């Protein structure tokens, strides 16, 4: 059972890091593309 608990912990940590990286990439592209467009509006 302890082994399963370790896998769950690793999965949750890995998933949260993956979600953060996806969000960071999206917000980074918004910063690159979005600021100039938003200032023009």
C-alpha atoms as a PDB file:
ATOM      1  CA  UNK A   1       0.000   0.000   0.000  1.00  0.00           C
ATOM      2  CA  UNK A   2       2.907   2.325   0.708  1.00  0.00           C
ATOM      3  CA  UNK A   3       4.125   1.910  -2.867  1.00  0.00           C
ATOM      4  CA  UNK A   4       0.727   2.969  -4.215  1.00  0.00           C
ATOM      5  CA  UNK A   5       0.787   6.031  -1.982  1.00  0.00           C
ATOM      6  CA  UNK A   6       4.164   7.055  -3.397  1.00  0.00           C
ATOM      7  CA  UNK A   7       2.843   6.682  -6.947  1.00  0.00           C
ATOM      8  CA  UNK A   8      -0.192   8.824  -6.128  1.00  0.00           C
ATOM      9  CA  UNK A   9       2.002  11.525  -4.604  1.00  0.00           C
ATOM     10  CA  UNK A  10       4.337  11.506  -7.610  1.00  0.00           C
ATOM     11  CA  UNK A  11       1.375  11.647  -9.987  1.00  0.00           C
ATOM     12  CA  UNK A  12      -0.215  14.608  -8.205  1.00  0.00           C
ATOM     13  CA  UNK A  13       3.077  16.522  -8.098  1.00  0.00           C
ATOM     14  CA  UNK A  14       3.836  15.738 -11.746  1.00  0.00           C
ATOM     15  CA  UNK A  15       0.343  16.734 -12.836  1.00  0.00           C
ATOM     16  CA  UNK A  16       0.502  20.034 -10.969  1.00  0.00           C
ATOM     17  CA  UNK A  17       3.887  20.837 -12.526  1.00  0.00           C
ATOM     18  CA  UNK A  18       2.551  19.965 -15.989  1.00  0.00           C
ATOM     19  CA  UNK A  19      -0.517  22.174 -15.484  1.00  0.00           C
ATOM     20  CA  UNK A  20       1.701  25.019 -14.279  1.00  0.00           C
ATOM     21  CA  UNK A  21       3.963  24.707 -17.328  1.00  0.00           C
ATOM     22  CA  UNK A  22       0.989  24.714 -19.716  1.00  0.00           C
ATOM     23  CA  UNK A  23      -0.453  27.779 -17.948  1.00  0.00           C
ATOM     24  CA  UNK A  24       2.941  29.505 -17.986  1.00  0.00           C
ATOM     25  CA  UNK A  25       3.394  28.845 -21.714  1.00  0.00           C
ATOM     26  CA  UNK A  26      -0.093  30.195 -22.424  1.00  0.00           C
ATOM     27  CA  UNK A  27       0.409  33.302 -20.311  1.00  0.00           C
ATOM     28  CA  UNK A  28       3.860  33.806 -21.857  1.00  0.00           C
ATOM     29  CA  UNK A  29       2.407  33.755 -25.364  1.00  0.00           C
ATOM     30  CA  UNK A  30      -0.328  36.127 -24.195  1.00  0.00           C
ATOM     31  CA  UNK A  31       2.357  38.511 -22.952  1.00  0.00           C
ATOM     32  CA  UNK A  32       4.220  38.343 -26.266  1.00  0.00           C
ATOM     33  CA  UNK A  33       1.191  38.635 -28.548  1.00  0.00           C
ATOM     34  CA  UNK A  34      -1.383  40.300 -26.374  1.00  0.00           C
ATOM     35  CA  UNK A  35       0.174  43.425 -24.947  1.00  0.00           C
ATOM     36  CA  UNK A  36       0.594  45.288 -28.224  1.00  0.00           C
ATOM     37  CA  UNK A  37      -2.888  44.315 -29.374  1.00  0.00           C
ATOM     38  CA  UNK A  38      -4.430  45.331 -26.056  1.00  0.00           C
ATOM     39  CA  UNK A  39      -2.653  48.697 -26.060  1.00  0.00           C
ATOM     40  CA  UNK A  40      -3.924  49.479 -29.536  1.00  0.00           C
ATOM     41  CA  UNK A  41      -7.548  48.871 -28.518  1.00  0.00           C
END
